[in-house]
N, C-alpha and C. Protein backbone atom coordinates (compact mmCIF):
# COMPACT_ATOMS: atom_id res chain seq x y z
N MET A 1 125.80 103.60 125.71
CA MET A 1 126.06 104.26 126.97
C MET A 1 126.93 103.34 127.81
N SER A 2 127.99 103.89 128.38
CA SER A 2 128.86 103.07 129.22
C SER A 2 128.19 102.81 130.56
N SER A 3 128.69 101.80 131.27
CA SER A 3 128.11 101.48 132.57
C SER A 3 128.28 102.62 133.56
N THR A 4 129.38 103.36 133.46
CA THR A 4 129.59 104.51 134.35
C THR A 4 128.55 105.58 134.09
N ASN A 5 128.24 105.84 132.83
CA ASN A 5 127.21 106.83 132.50
C ASN A 5 125.83 106.36 132.94
N ALA A 6 125.56 105.07 132.81
CA ALA A 6 124.27 104.54 133.24
C ALA A 6 124.11 104.69 134.74
N ILE A 7 125.16 104.41 135.48
CA ILE A 7 125.12 104.55 136.94
C ILE A 7 124.90 106.01 137.31
N ARG A 8 125.65 106.90 136.66
CA ARG A 8 125.50 108.33 136.94
C ARG A 8 124.09 108.81 136.63
N SER A 9 123.50 108.30 135.54
CA SER A 9 122.13 108.67 135.17
C SER A 9 121.14 108.25 136.25
N GLU A 10 121.33 107.06 136.79
CA GLU A 10 120.43 106.60 137.85
C GLU A 10 120.61 107.44 139.12
N ASP A 11 121.84 107.81 139.43
CA ASP A 11 122.10 108.67 140.58
C ASP A 11 121.38 110.00 140.42
N ILE A 12 121.49 110.59 139.24
CA ILE A 12 120.86 111.88 138.96
C ILE A 12 119.33 111.75 138.99
N ALA A 13 118.81 110.69 138.41
CA ALA A 13 117.37 110.47 138.41
C ALA A 13 116.85 110.32 139.84
N TYR A 14 117.56 109.56 140.65
CA TYR A 14 117.16 109.38 142.04
C TYR A 14 117.15 110.72 142.79
N LYS A 15 118.25 111.46 142.69
CA LYS A 15 118.34 112.74 143.39
C LYS A 15 117.26 113.71 142.92
N GLY A 16 117.01 113.73 141.61
CA GLY A 16 115.98 114.60 141.08
C GLY A 16 114.60 114.25 141.61
N ALA A 17 114.29 112.97 141.65
CA ALA A 17 112.98 112.53 142.14
C ALA A 17 112.80 112.89 143.62
N VAL A 18 113.79 112.60 144.42
CA VAL A 18 113.69 112.88 145.86
C VAL A 18 113.61 114.39 146.11
N ASN A 19 114.43 115.16 145.42
CA ASN A 19 114.40 116.61 145.60
C ASN A 19 113.06 117.20 145.17
N TRP A 20 112.49 116.69 144.07
CA TRP A 20 111.19 117.17 143.61
C TRP A 20 110.12 116.88 144.65
N VAL A 21 110.12 115.68 145.20
CA VAL A 21 109.13 115.32 146.22
C VAL A 21 109.31 116.19 147.46
N LYS A 22 110.53 116.37 147.90
CA LYS A 22 110.78 117.16 149.11
C LYS A 22 110.42 118.63 148.96
N HIS A 23 110.43 119.13 147.72
CA HIS A 23 110.12 120.53 147.48
C HIS A 23 108.69 120.88 147.92
N ASP A 24 107.77 119.93 147.81
CA ASP A 24 106.39 120.11 148.26
C ASP A 24 105.92 118.76 148.81
N LEU A 25 106.51 118.38 149.91
CA LEU A 25 106.36 117.03 150.46
C LEU A 25 104.92 116.59 150.62
N GLU A 26 104.08 117.41 151.20
CA GLU A 26 102.70 116.99 151.47
C GLU A 26 101.94 116.66 150.19
N LYS A 27 102.16 117.40 149.14
CA LYS A 27 101.44 117.16 147.89
C LYS A 27 102.10 116.09 147.03
N ARG A 28 103.41 115.88 147.20
CA ARG A 28 104.14 115.03 146.27
C ARG A 28 104.59 113.68 146.82
N LYS A 29 104.51 113.47 148.12
CA LYS A 29 105.07 112.24 148.69
C LYS A 29 104.41 110.98 148.15
N ASP A 30 103.17 111.09 147.71
CA ASP A 30 102.48 109.92 147.17
C ASP A 30 103.04 109.48 145.81
N HIS A 31 103.83 110.33 145.17
CA HIS A 31 104.42 110.02 143.87
C HIS A 31 105.78 109.34 143.98
N LEU A 32 106.35 109.31 145.16
CA LEU A 32 107.71 108.81 145.33
C LEU A 32 107.87 107.36 144.86
N ALA A 33 106.97 106.50 145.23
CA ALA A 33 107.08 105.09 144.84
C ALA A 33 107.01 104.93 143.32
N GLN A 34 106.19 105.74 142.67
CA GLN A 34 106.09 105.68 141.21
C GLN A 34 107.43 106.06 140.59
N PHE A 35 108.06 107.12 141.09
CA PHE A 35 109.38 107.51 140.59
C PHE A 35 110.41 106.41 140.84
N MET A 36 110.40 105.88 142.04
CA MET A 36 111.39 104.86 142.39
C MET A 36 111.25 103.62 141.52
N SER A 37 110.06 103.34 141.05
CA SER A 37 109.86 102.16 140.20
C SER A 37 110.57 102.29 138.85
N HIS A 38 110.93 103.51 138.48
CA HIS A 38 111.60 103.76 137.20
C HIS A 38 113.12 103.89 137.35
N ILE A 39 113.60 103.89 138.57
CA ILE A 39 115.03 104.04 138.82
C ILE A 39 115.64 102.66 139.04
N LEU A 40 116.69 102.37 138.33
CA LEU A 40 117.34 101.05 138.41
C LEU A 40 118.29 101.02 139.60
N ILE A 41 117.73 100.85 140.77
CA ILE A 41 118.52 100.87 142.01
C ILE A 41 119.64 99.82 142.00
N PRO A 42 119.41 98.63 141.47
CA PRO A 42 120.48 97.63 141.52
C PRO A 42 121.77 98.01 140.79
N ILE A 43 121.73 99.00 139.88
CA ILE A 43 122.96 99.34 139.17
C ILE A 43 123.73 100.50 139.80
N VAL A 44 123.17 101.16 140.83
CA VAL A 44 123.93 102.25 141.46
C VAL A 44 125.06 101.65 142.28
N SER A 45 126.05 102.46 142.57
CA SER A 45 127.19 101.97 143.35
C SER A 45 126.76 101.67 144.78
N GLN A 46 127.49 100.78 145.42
CA GLN A 46 127.21 100.45 146.83
C GLN A 46 127.32 101.69 147.71
N LYS A 47 128.29 102.53 147.41
CA LYS A 47 128.48 103.76 148.18
C LYS A 47 127.26 104.67 148.06
N PHE A 48 126.77 104.88 146.83
CA PHE A 48 125.59 105.73 146.63
C PHE A 48 124.38 105.09 147.29
N LEU A 49 124.24 103.79 147.15
CA LEU A 49 123.12 103.08 147.77
C LEU A 49 123.12 103.30 149.28
N SER A 50 124.27 103.13 149.91
CA SER A 50 124.36 103.29 151.37
C SER A 50 124.21 104.73 151.82
N ASN A 51 124.90 105.64 151.13
CA ASN A 51 124.94 107.04 151.57
C ASN A 51 123.69 107.84 151.24
N HIS A 52 122.99 107.45 150.19
CA HIS A 52 121.85 108.26 149.75
C HIS A 52 120.52 107.52 149.81
N ILE A 53 120.48 106.35 149.25
CA ILE A 53 119.20 105.67 149.11
C ILE A 53 118.75 105.01 150.41
N VAL A 54 119.59 104.19 150.99
CA VAL A 54 119.23 103.53 152.25
C VAL A 54 119.09 104.56 153.38
N ALA A 55 119.86 105.62 153.32
CA ALA A 55 119.83 106.65 154.36
C ALA A 55 118.62 107.57 154.27
N GLU A 56 117.88 107.52 153.17
CA GLU A 56 116.74 108.42 152.97
C GLU A 56 115.52 107.94 153.75
N SER A 57 115.12 108.71 154.73
CA SER A 57 114.00 108.32 155.59
C SER A 57 112.68 108.25 154.83
N LEU A 58 112.49 109.07 153.81
CA LEU A 58 111.26 109.01 153.03
C LEU A 58 111.05 107.63 152.41
N LEU A 59 112.12 107.02 151.97
CA LEU A 59 112.00 105.70 151.35
C LEU A 59 111.68 104.63 152.38
N ARG A 60 112.28 104.74 153.53
CA ARG A 60 112.03 103.75 154.59
C ARG A 60 110.62 103.87 155.15
N GLN A 61 110.03 105.05 155.09
CA GLN A 61 108.69 105.27 155.65
C GLN A 61 107.57 104.84 154.70
N ASP A 62 107.87 104.70 153.43
CA ASP A 62 106.87 104.33 152.44
C ASP A 62 106.98 102.83 152.16
N HIS A 63 105.88 102.12 152.29
CA HIS A 63 105.90 100.66 152.14
C HIS A 63 106.41 100.23 150.76
N LYS A 64 105.89 100.82 149.70
CA LYS A 64 106.31 100.43 148.35
C LYS A 64 107.80 100.74 148.13
N CYS A 65 108.24 101.89 148.62
CA CYS A 65 109.65 102.24 148.47
C CYS A 65 110.53 101.29 149.27
N SER A 66 110.06 100.86 150.42
CA SER A 66 110.81 99.90 151.22
C SER A 66 111.02 98.60 150.45
N GLN A 67 110.02 98.22 149.67
CA GLN A 67 110.14 97.01 148.86
C GLN A 67 111.22 97.17 147.79
N PHE A 68 111.34 98.37 147.20
CA PHE A 68 112.41 98.63 146.24
C PHE A 68 113.77 98.53 146.92
N LEU A 69 113.86 99.04 148.14
CA LEU A 69 115.12 98.97 148.89
C LEU A 69 115.51 97.53 149.18
N ILE A 70 114.55 96.76 149.61
CA ILE A 70 114.83 95.35 149.93
C ILE A 70 115.30 94.62 148.67
N ALA A 71 114.64 94.87 147.55
CA ALA A 71 115.04 94.23 146.30
C ALA A 71 116.46 94.63 145.90
N ALA A 72 116.77 95.91 146.06
CA ALA A 72 118.10 96.40 145.69
C ALA A 72 119.18 95.80 146.59
N LEU A 73 118.89 95.69 147.86
CA LEU A 73 119.87 95.16 148.80
C LEU A 73 120.08 93.65 148.60
N ASN A 74 119.08 92.97 148.07
CA ASN A 74 119.20 91.54 147.81
C ASN A 74 119.75 91.21 146.44
N PHE A 75 119.98 92.22 145.62
CA PHE A 75 120.43 92.00 144.25
C PHE A 75 121.85 91.57 144.21
């Protein structure tokens, strides 16, 4: 798999996880950190990281997800 395909796969996985959680937020929000632990945030593009991941309020509101963000931003 090329690096471009790997990055695209992580973008798709991230969007799928967030969309799934948002579809039934009250029942699914507790699963977000588990999903995020499987997504390789450090390999996504800086643009995607800034526009989608850092901008997502659900991630900033969840302590475990915030830790993933901090790790990605320090990578």
